[in-house]
Protein backbone atom coordinates (compact mmCIF):
# COMPACT_ATOMS: atom_id res chain seq x y z
CA MET A 1 119.95 124.54 91.29
CA LYS A 2 116.53 123.34 90.16
CA PRO A 3 115.65 119.65 90.66
CA ALA A 4 115.61 117.50 87.57
CA LYS A 5 112.17 116.98 86.09
CA ALA A 6 110.74 113.45 86.10
CA ARG A 7 109.92 112.49 82.52
CA GLY A 8 107.43 109.80 81.70
CA ARG A 9 106.84 107.91 78.48
CA GLY A 10 106.44 110.33 75.57
CA GLY A 11 108.43 113.12 77.25
CA ALA A 12 105.68 114.54 79.48
CA ILE A 13 106.75 115.32 83.03
CA LEU A 14 105.46 114.88 86.55
CA LYS A 15 104.99 118.26 88.22
CA ARG A 16 107.24 118.99 91.23
CA GLU A 17 104.81 120.88 93.46
CA ILE A 18 105.28 119.37 96.94
CA GLY A 19 107.22 121.43 99.49
CA PHE A 20 108.16 120.57 103.09
CA TRP A 21 104.85 121.50 104.71
CA GLU A 22 102.78 119.81 102.01
CA ALA A 23 104.93 116.69 102.39
CA THR A 24 104.63 116.75 106.19
CA VAL A 25 100.85 117.08 106.07
CA TYR A 26 100.80 114.38 103.40
CA GLY A 27 102.82 112.15 105.71
CA ILE A 28 100.51 112.76 108.66
CA GLY A 29 97.52 112.12 106.42
CA LEU A 30 99.16 108.95 105.11
CA ILE A 31 99.61 107.58 108.63
CA LEU A 32 96.41 108.82 110.26
CA GLY A 33 93.38 107.16 108.75
CA ALA A 34 91.12 104.16 108.83
CA GLY A 35 93.45 101.95 110.87
CA ILE A 36 93.13 103.79 114.17
CA TYR A 37 89.37 104.16 113.77
CA ALA A 38 88.73 100.50 112.93
CA LEU A 39 91.36 98.40 114.71
CA ILE A 40 91.83 99.97 118.13
CA GLY A 41 88.96 97.95 119.60
CA GLU A 42 90.31 94.58 118.48
CA ALA A 43 93.77 95.59 119.71
CA ALA A 44 92.31 96.60 123.10
CA GLY A 45 90.91 93.08 123.45
CA MET A 46 94.42 91.69 123.06
CA ALA A 47 96.45 94.20 125.09
CA GLY A 48 93.87 95.44 127.64
CA ASN A 49 94.66 98.73 129.36
CA ALA A 50 98.29 98.31 128.27
CA LEU A 51 97.17 99.17 124.73
CA TRP A 52 99.49 102.18 124.78
CA MET A 53 102.48 99.82 125.02
CA SER A 54 101.43 98.21 121.75
CA PHE A 55 101.37 101.60 120.08
CA VAL A 56 104.83 102.39 121.44
CA LEU A 57 106.17 99.09 120.05
CA GLY A 58 104.56 99.85 116.71
CA ALA A 59 106.12 103.32 116.77
CA LEU A 60 109.57 101.87 117.47
CA ALA A 61 109.30 99.50 114.51
CA ALA A 62 108.05 102.33 112.32
CA SER A 63 110.78 104.71 113.50
CA PHE A 64 113.69 102.34 112.88
CA THR A 65 112.42 101.48 109.42
CA GLY A 66 111.54 105.12 108.81
CA LEU A 67 115.17 106.10 109.41
CA SER A 68 116.23 103.52 106.82
CA TYR A 69 113.78 105.07 104.36
CA MET A 70 115.20 108.53 105.13
CA GLU A 71 118.69 107.42 104.14
CA LEU A 72 117.50 105.63 101.01
CA ILE A 73 115.29 108.54 99.89
CA SER A 74 118.33 110.83 100.14
CA MET A 75 120.20 108.43 97.83
CA PHE A 76 117.46 107.55 95.33
CA PRO A 77 114.62 110.13 95.13
CA LYS A 78 112.54 108.09 92.68
CA ALA A 79 108.98 106.84 92.26
CA ALA A 80 108.51 103.09 92.89
CA ALA A 81 110.94 103.72 95.74
CA GLU A 82 111.23 100.22 97.25
CA TYR A 83 111.71 98.75 93.78
CA VAL A 84 114.60 101.17 93.16
CA TYR A 85 116.24 100.51 96.55
CA VAL A 86 116.18 96.73 96.21
CA LYS A 87 117.31 96.81 92.58
CA ASN A 88 120.38 98.92 93.47
CA ALA A 89 121.20 96.98 96.63
CA PHE A 90 120.85 93.41 95.40
CA ARG A 91 121.13 93.95 91.63
CA SER A 92 118.31 91.51 91.07
CA ARG A 93 115.51 92.56 88.73
CA MET A 94 113.36 89.66 89.91
CA LEU A 95 113.64 90.65 93.59
CA ALA A 96 113.05 94.29 92.69
CA PHE A 97 109.97 93.38 90.65
CA ASN A 98 108.72 91.22 93.49
CA ILE A 99 108.88 93.97 96.10
CA GLY A 100 107.19 96.39 93.69
CA TRP A 101 104.51 93.79 92.97
CA VAL A 102 103.82 93.26 96.67
CA GLU A 103 103.80 97.03 97.27
CA ILE A 104 101.17 97.59 94.56
CA PHE A 105 98.89 94.85 95.81
CA THR A 106 99.14 95.75 99.50
CA ASP A 107 98.24 99.35 98.59
CA VAL A 108 95.34 98.25 96.40
CA ILE A 109 93.96 95.64 98.81
CA ALA A 110 94.10 98.08 101.72
CA THR A 111 92.47 100.79 99.58
CA SER A 112 89.64 98.43 98.60
CA ALA A 113 89.01 97.42 102.20
CA VAL A 114 89.00 101.01 103.42
CA SER A 115 86.56 102.00 100.66
CA LEU A 116 84.21 99.35 102.02
CA GLY A 117 84.70 100.83 105.48
CA PHE A 118 83.68 104.23 104.10
CA ALA A 119 80.63 102.65 102.48
CA GLY A 120 79.70 100.99 105.78
CA TYR A 121 79.69 104.29 107.67
CA PHE A 122 77.88 105.98 104.76
CA SER A 123 75.25 103.24 104.76
CA ALA A 124 74.71 103.58 108.51
CA LEU A 125 74.01 107.28 108.05
CA PHE A 126 72.05 107.25 104.79
CA SER A 127 70.88 103.61 104.28
CA THR A 128 72.72 103.18 100.97
CA PRO A 129 74.07 99.95 99.40
CA ILE A 130 77.70 99.11 100.28
CA VAL A 131 79.41 98.05 97.05
CA PRO A 132 78.12 100.84 94.75
CA VAL A 133 79.15 103.49 97.29
CA ALA A 134 82.62 101.95 97.61
CA MET A 135 82.97 101.90 93.81
CA ALA A 136 81.82 105.51 93.58
CA LEU A 137 84.36 106.61 96.20
CA ILE A 138 87.22 104.89 94.35
CA ALA A 139 86.13 106.54 91.09
CA ALA A 140 85.84 109.99 92.70
CA MET A 141 89.23 109.79 94.40
CA SER A 142 90.79 108.55 91.15
CA VAL A 143 89.51 111.70 89.43
CA VAL A 144 91.21 113.82 92.11
CA ASN A 145 94.36 111.72 91.65
CA PHE A 146 94.25 112.41 87.89
CA LEU A 147 93.65 116.16 88.28
CA GLY A 148 97.04 116.70 89.90
CA ILE A 149 99.24 116.34 92.94
CA ARG A 150 98.48 119.92 94.08
CA GLU A 151 94.73 119.23 94.05
CA SER A 152 95.27 115.96 95.90
CA SER A 153 97.48 117.71 98.44
CA ARG A 154 94.83 120.33 99.16
CA MET A 155 92.12 117.72 99.71
CA ASN A 156 94.49 115.70 101.91
CA PHE A 157 95.18 118.82 104.00
CA VAL A 158 91.47 119.38 104.70
CA PHE A 159 90.61 115.73 105.33
CA SER A 160 93.67 115.18 107.53
CA GLY A 161 92.65 118.19 109.63
CA VAL A 162 89.18 116.70 110.20
CA GLU A 163 90.44 113.24 111.17
CA LEU A 164 93.16 114.69 113.42
CA GLY A 165 90.51 116.87 115.04
CA GLY A 166 88.42 113.77 115.79
CA LEU A 167 91.33 112.07 117.54
CA LEU A 168 92.20 115.20 119.53
CA PHE A 169 88.53 115.40 120.55
CA VAL A 170 88.72 111.87 122.01
CA ILE A 171 91.89 112.81 123.94
CA LEU A 172 90.23 115.97 125.31
CA LEU A 173 87.14 114.06 126.44
CA ALA A 174 89.29 111.53 128.30
CA ALA A 175 91.18 114.30 130.06
CA LEU A 176 87.90 115.92 131.18
CA PHE A 177 85.58 112.94 131.72
CA GLY A 178 87.79 109.83 132.09
CA ARG A 179 86.33 107.03 134.24
CA SER A 180 86.82 107.83 137.93
CA GLY A 181 89.79 109.98 137.00
CA MET A 182 92.45 108.70 134.62
CA ALA A 183 94.87 108.10 137.50
CA ALA A 184 92.53 105.41 138.92
CA ILE A 185 92.96 103.12 135.88
CA ASP A 186 95.72 100.52 135.77
CA TYR A 187 97.37 101.27 132.44
CA PHE A 188 99.67 98.25 132.85
CA GLU A 189 96.82 95.71 132.97
CA MET A 190 97.64 93.01 130.38
CA PRO A 191 94.88 90.33 130.26
CA ASN A 192 96.92 88.24 127.81
CA GLY A 193 100.36 89.14 129.11
CA ALA A 194 103.23 90.31 126.95
CA THR A 195 102.05 88.03 124.12
CA GLY A 196 98.82 90.03 123.90
CA VAL A 197 100.73 93.32 123.82
CA PHE A 198 102.99 92.11 120.99
CA GLY A 199 100.04 90.62 119.13
CA ALA A 200 98.19 93.92 119.35
CA ALA A 201 101.32 95.74 118.17
CA ALA A 202 101.47 93.50 115.08
CA LEU A 203 97.81 94.25 114.32
CA ILE A 204 97.83 98.00 114.92
CA PHE A 205 101.04 98.43 112.96
CA PHE A 206 98.49 98.80 110.13
CA ALA A 207 97.59 102.15 111.70
CA TYR A 208 101.19 103.37 111.28
CA LEU A 209 101.47 102.38 107.65
CA GLY A 210 101.81 105.28 105.26
CA PHE A 211 105.04 106.99 106.35
CA GLU A 212 106.94 104.87 103.83
CA GLU A 213 104.68 106.05 101.02
CA LEU A 214 106.25 109.50 101.12
CA ALA A 215 109.20 107.92 99.33
CA ASN A 216 107.01 107.25 96.29
CA MET A 217 106.22 110.98 95.98
CA ALA A 218 109.88 111.81 95.38
CA GLU A 219 109.48 112.74 91.70
CA GLU A 220 106.79 115.28 92.56
CA ALA A 221 108.65 116.89 95.48
CA LYS A 222 110.95 119.91 95.56
CA ASP A 223 114.50 119.04 96.70
CA ALA A 224 113.38 115.51 97.57
CA ARG A 225 116.81 114.37 98.83
CA ARG A 226 116.83 116.83 101.72
CA MET A 227 113.18 117.69 102.27
CA LEU A 228 111.43 114.30 102.25
CA PRO A 229 113.54 112.70 105.04
CA LYS A 230 112.71 115.66 107.33
CA ALA A 231 109.01 115.47 106.44
CA LEU A 232 108.98 111.73 107.13
CA MET A 233 110.61 112.19 110.56
CA VAL A 234 108.15 114.92 111.64
CA SER A 235 105.16 112.91 110.36
CA VAL A 236 106.07 109.80 112.37
CA ALA A 237 106.79 111.86 115.51
CA VAL A 238 103.47 113.74 115.41
CA THR A 239 101.32 110.68 114.73
CA THR A 240 103.10 108.60 117.39
CA VAL A 241 102.27 111.16 120.09
CA VAL A 242 98.64 111.33 118.90
CA TYR A 243 98.26 107.53 118.76
CA VAL A 244 99.69 106.91 122.23
CA LEU A 245 97.45 109.60 123.73
CA VAL A 246 94.40 108.16 121.93
CA SER A 247 95.19 104.65 123.18
CA VAL A 248 95.28 105.96 126.75
CA ALA A 249 92.13 108.00 126.17
CA VAL A 250 89.89 105.19 124.87
CA VAL A 251 90.54 102.87 127.83
CA SER A 252 89.97 105.87 130.10
CA LEU A 253 86.53 106.45 128.60
CA ALA A 254 85.38 102.83 128.20
CA PRO A 255 86.48 99.42 129.57
CA TRP A 256 88.73 97.51 127.20
CA GLN A 257 86.28 94.59 127.28
CA GLU A 258 83.56 96.78 125.74
CA LEU A 259 85.94 98.30 123.22
CA SER A 260 87.02 94.85 122.03
CA SER A 261 83.45 93.86 121.12
CA SER A 262 82.53 97.12 119.37
CA GLN A 263 82.47 97.67 115.59
CA ALA A 264 82.98 101.40 116.20
CA PRO A 265 85.30 101.61 119.24
CA LEU A 266 86.02 105.34 119.06
CA ALA A 267 82.32 106.12 118.71
CA LEU A 268 81.67 103.87 121.71
CA ALA A 269 84.27 105.72 123.77
CA VAL A 270 82.79 109.13 122.91
CA SER A 271 79.24 107.86 123.53
CA LYS A 272 80.16 107.35 127.19
CA VAL A 273 80.08 111.14 127.45
CA PHE A 274 77.63 112.27 124.76
CA GLY A 275 75.36 109.26 124.29
CA ASP A 276 73.97 108.19 120.90
CA LYS A 277 74.69 111.55 119.27
CA ALA A 278 78.36 110.62 119.35
CA PHE A 279 77.80 107.84 116.81
CA TRP A 280 76.73 110.36 114.16
CA LEU A 281 79.63 112.69 114.94
CA MET A 282 82.34 110.02 114.86
CA SER A 283 80.79 108.41 111.78
CA VAL A 284 81.09 111.67 109.86
CA ILE A 285 84.71 112.06 110.96
CA ALA A 286 85.36 108.44 109.96
CA LEU A 287 84.03 109.25 106.47
CA PHE A 288 86.75 111.87 106.09
CA ALA A 289 89.40 109.51 107.49
CA THR A 290 88.51 106.61 105.21
CA ALA A 291 88.10 108.80 102.12
CA ASN A 292 91.53 110.33 102.74
CA THR A 293 93.10 106.89 103.11
CA VAL A 294 91.54 105.78 99.81
CA LEU A 295 92.82 108.89 98.01
CA ILE A 296 96.36 108.45 99.27
CA GLY A 297 96.38 104.69 98.61
CA LEU A 298 95.38 105.33 94.99
CA ILE A 299 98.04 108.03 94.60
CA VAL A 300 100.84 105.87 95.95
CA GLY A 301 99.72 102.72 94.13
CA SER A 302 99.60 104.57 90.81
CA ARG A 303 103.08 106.09 91.35
CA CYS A 304 104.52 102.66 92.09
CA ILE A 305 102.97 101.30 88.88
CA TYR A 306 104.32 104.31 86.98
CA GLY A 307 107.84 103.97 88.36
CA MET A 308 108.07 100.25 87.56
CA ALA A 309 106.70 100.80 84.06
CA LYS A 310 109.18 103.63 83.41
CA ASP A 311 111.98 101.22 84.34
CA GLY A 312 110.61 98.52 82.02
CA SER A 313 109.36 96.05 84.62
CA LEU A 314 105.73 96.69 83.62
CA PRO A 315 104.32 97.59 80.17
CA ARG A 316 105.69 100.96 79.05
CA GLN A 317 102.19 102.29 78.37
CA LEU A 318 101.66 102.46 82.15
CA ALA A 319 104.34 105.17 82.30
CA ASP A 320 102.38 107.62 80.12
CA VAL A 321 102.11 111.08 81.73
CA HIS A 322 99.24 113.40 80.82
CA ARG A 323 100.70 116.48 79.13
CA ASP A 324 98.26 118.96 80.69
CA ARG A 325 97.73 117.53 84.17
CA GLY A 326 101.27 116.21 84.70
CA THR A 327 99.99 112.97 86.27
CA PRO A 328 100.58 109.32 85.23
CA TRP A 329 97.04 108.91 83.91
CA VAL A 330 97.29 105.32 82.66
CA ALA A 331 98.74 104.16 86.01
CA VAL A 332 95.98 106.13 87.78
CA ALA A 333 93.36 104.23 85.76
CA ALA A 334 95.09 100.90 86.43
CA ALA A 335 95.15 101.52 90.20
CA MET A 336 91.47 102.46 90.11
CA LEU A 337 90.45 99.30 88.24
CA LEU A 338 92.53 97.06 90.53
CA ALA A 339 90.98 98.63 93.62
CA MET A 340 87.50 98.15 92.19
CA ALA A 341 88.29 94.51 91.43
CA PHE A 342 89.25 93.88 95.07
CA VAL A 343 86.35 95.82 96.54
CA MET A 344 84.48 92.55 97.14
CA LEU A 345 86.95 91.72 99.93
CA GLY A 346 85.62 92.38 103.43
CA ASN A 347 86.70 91.68 107.03
CA ILE A 348 89.04 94.55 107.84
CA GLY A 349 90.85 92.42 110.43
CA ILE A 350 92.14 89.86 107.91
CA VAL A 351 92.71 92.55 105.27
CA ALA A 352 94.76 94.58 107.77
CA SER A 353 96.78 91.49 108.67
CA VAL A 354 97.41 90.64 105.00
CA THR A 355 98.46 94.24 104.37
CA ASP A 356 100.76 94.09 107.40
CA MET A 357 102.31 90.84 106.13
CA GLY A 358 103.05 92.39 102.75
CA THR A 359 104.43 95.48 104.42
CA PHE A 360 106.63 93.47 106.80
CA TYR A 361 108.09 91.72 103.74
CA ILE A 362 108.74 95.09 102.10
CA PHE A 363 110.23 96.60 105.25
CA SER A 364 112.52 93.62 105.74
CA LEU A 365 113.95 94.07 102.25
CA VAL A 366 114.22 97.87 102.65
CA ASN A 367 116.17 97.54 105.90
CA ALA A 368 118.35 94.84 104.34
CA ALA A 369 118.92 97.14 101.35
CA ALA A 370 120.02 99.99 103.63
CA ILE A 371 122.58 97.66 105.24
CA THR A 372 123.79 96.21 101.94
CA LEU A 373 124.24 99.60 100.27
CA ARG A 374 126.60 100.71 103.05
CA TYR A 375 129.00 98.10 101.66
CA ARG A 376 128.04 98.09 97.99
CA MET A 377 127.91 101.88 97.58
CA PRO A 378 129.90 103.27 100.54
CA ASN A 379 130.81 106.54 98.80
CA ALA A 380 127.37 107.31 97.35
CA LYS A 381 125.92 110.74 98.17
CA ARG A 382 123.69 110.54 101.26
CA ALA A 383 121.95 113.76 102.30
CA PHE A 384 120.85 111.84 105.42
CA LYS A 385 122.61 108.95 107.13
CA THR A 386 121.18 106.83 109.97
CA PRO A 387 123.02 107.30 113.31
CA LEU A 388 124.71 104.57 115.38
CA ASN A 389 127.12 102.53 113.29
CA LEU A 390 129.78 99.90 113.91
CA GLY A 391 132.24 100.72 111.21
CA ARG A 392 130.19 100.54 108.03
CA PHE A 393 127.49 98.40 109.66
CA PRO A 394 124.36 100.50 110.44
CA LEU A 395 122.65 99.47 113.69
CA VAL A 396 119.35 101.27 113.05
CA PRO A 397 118.38 99.32 109.89
CA ALA A 398 119.43 96.13 111.70
CA ALA A 399 117.08 97.00 114.57
CA GLY A 400 114.32 97.77 112.07
CA LEU A 401 114.85 94.37 110.45
CA LEU A 402 114.68 92.56 113.80
CA PHE A 403 111.57 94.47 114.93
CA THR A 404 109.86 93.74 111.61
CA ILE A 405 110.52 90.00 111.86
CA ALA A 406 109.40 89.95 115.52
CA LEU A 407 106.08 91.65 114.74
CA ALA A 408 105.48 89.48 111.65
CA SER A 409 105.80 86.35 113.80
CA HIS A 410 102.71 87.45 115.76
CA LEU A 411 100.42 87.76 112.72
CA ARG A 412 97.60 85.28 112.11
CA VAL A 413 98.59 82.20 110.11
CA ASP A 414 96.15 82.77 107.24
CA ALA A 415 97.56 86.27 106.67
CA ILE A 416 101.12 84.85 106.52
CA LEU A 417 100.02 82.19 104.01
CA ILE A 418 98.20 84.72 101.81
CA GLY A 419 101.24 87.01 101.94
CA ALA A 420 103.53 84.14 100.95
CA GLY A 421 101.17 83.33 98.08
CA LEU A 422 101.33 86.94 96.89
CA VAL A 423 105.14 86.86 96.91
CA ALA A 424 105.15 83.55 94.99
CA ALA A 425 102.68 84.95 92.44
CA GLY A 426 105.03 87.88 91.85
CA VAL A 427 107.85 85.49 90.97
CA VAL A 428 105.64 83.67 88.46
CA VAL A 429 104.36 86.90 86.85
CA HIS A 430 107.92 88.26 86.52
CA MET A 431 109.08 85.09 84.77
CA LEU A 432 106.11 85.13 82.39
CA TYR A 433 106.45 88.85 81.64
CA ALA A 434 110.21 88.56 81.06
CA GLY A 435 109.57 85.72 78.60
CA VAL A 436 106.92 87.73 76.72
CA ARG A 437 109.27 90.74 76.49
CA ARG A 438 112.11 88.62 75.13
CA LYS A 439 109.82 87.45 72.34
CA GLY A 440 108.95 91.06 71.53
CA VAL A 441 105.21 90.56 72.09
CA ILE A 442 104.98 93.57 74.44
CA SER A 443 107.13 96.63 75.11
């Protein structure tokens, strides 16, 4: 039985061209990216040599929530995934709009910040201006996004291979040239105690973000109900192993004190073996990592805009699908313009924290939706169901909810306030848009 085709406004369809391996590589590429390259140094300053513990905590939070996503994907294989889950669970269009609103802006803000990171590395290599290069990258990746999901998938495959190769290279160097032998380092050294480890986990959770975005590719995937949950599980497992090994490797190559004060911590770690030449090598790899993150952020952001518009929560014109390319071209353009508008934001630390705050809000509602739907729709078809239940009550989404709240409590105050402001703005925009629609001013 062939999967139903996803029709946009005007009858054009999104092309279902993503199979299991494409989805798995997409998932790995979604998770691997700018976060690990940019934030591991700041996290090392908080957690010390126990940095690996922070990555394990982040992986636990990601895994519990990932299992909730797996169940929900198997129930509702739709674009604008979180919007659909919350709408069905709580039957509140305002709450559904709000989570979709936050999802779009966290994707766009993170994409803008990462494009600036790309421009920073590019400038260091070629002495070019920052903002024009960031704008050019966003435009170029938007063109790839428009051309089609198959073209995007192929580029993601190549770029993900390069960035994964860079991380494996760091692990190999540590195994061969670690300071005084890796066994001589105290990997339980916590300069700031458990608080530092949890604080670092809250920060580097940014590096795990992306697994949830597979859900938004559901209308372009083959047999999404069964295939996407498996791809999500494999993606999280592979990247968790890589991240934990990298966290051990960097403190084996360089003291955590030096890592914490470096703007390019992975380059610093590699330079302990290869000297200044390592900066050029890791900078080139970082270009691939950041470009890939920008591409995927634009893809996911545009699909979320498309899905909400198709459901009527955003102007219907945003749901137009290009008849030849099979991509939501108006939503692609909207995501590009929003990312360009936010490209003036800097400071990846605060941007990562704001993105984490928005994501923690989304994850809290997703886990709550998974719990609620067990009672509201107990007999609904679920191709995957989270394990460990007390009657109808699912323990895994409950654990994901608790982990999410615990990590959010360790974020910086300004990030929490900005995140709260973004949520409040979504409420206001929904009320205004609903009023305009009732008057028939916009469709």
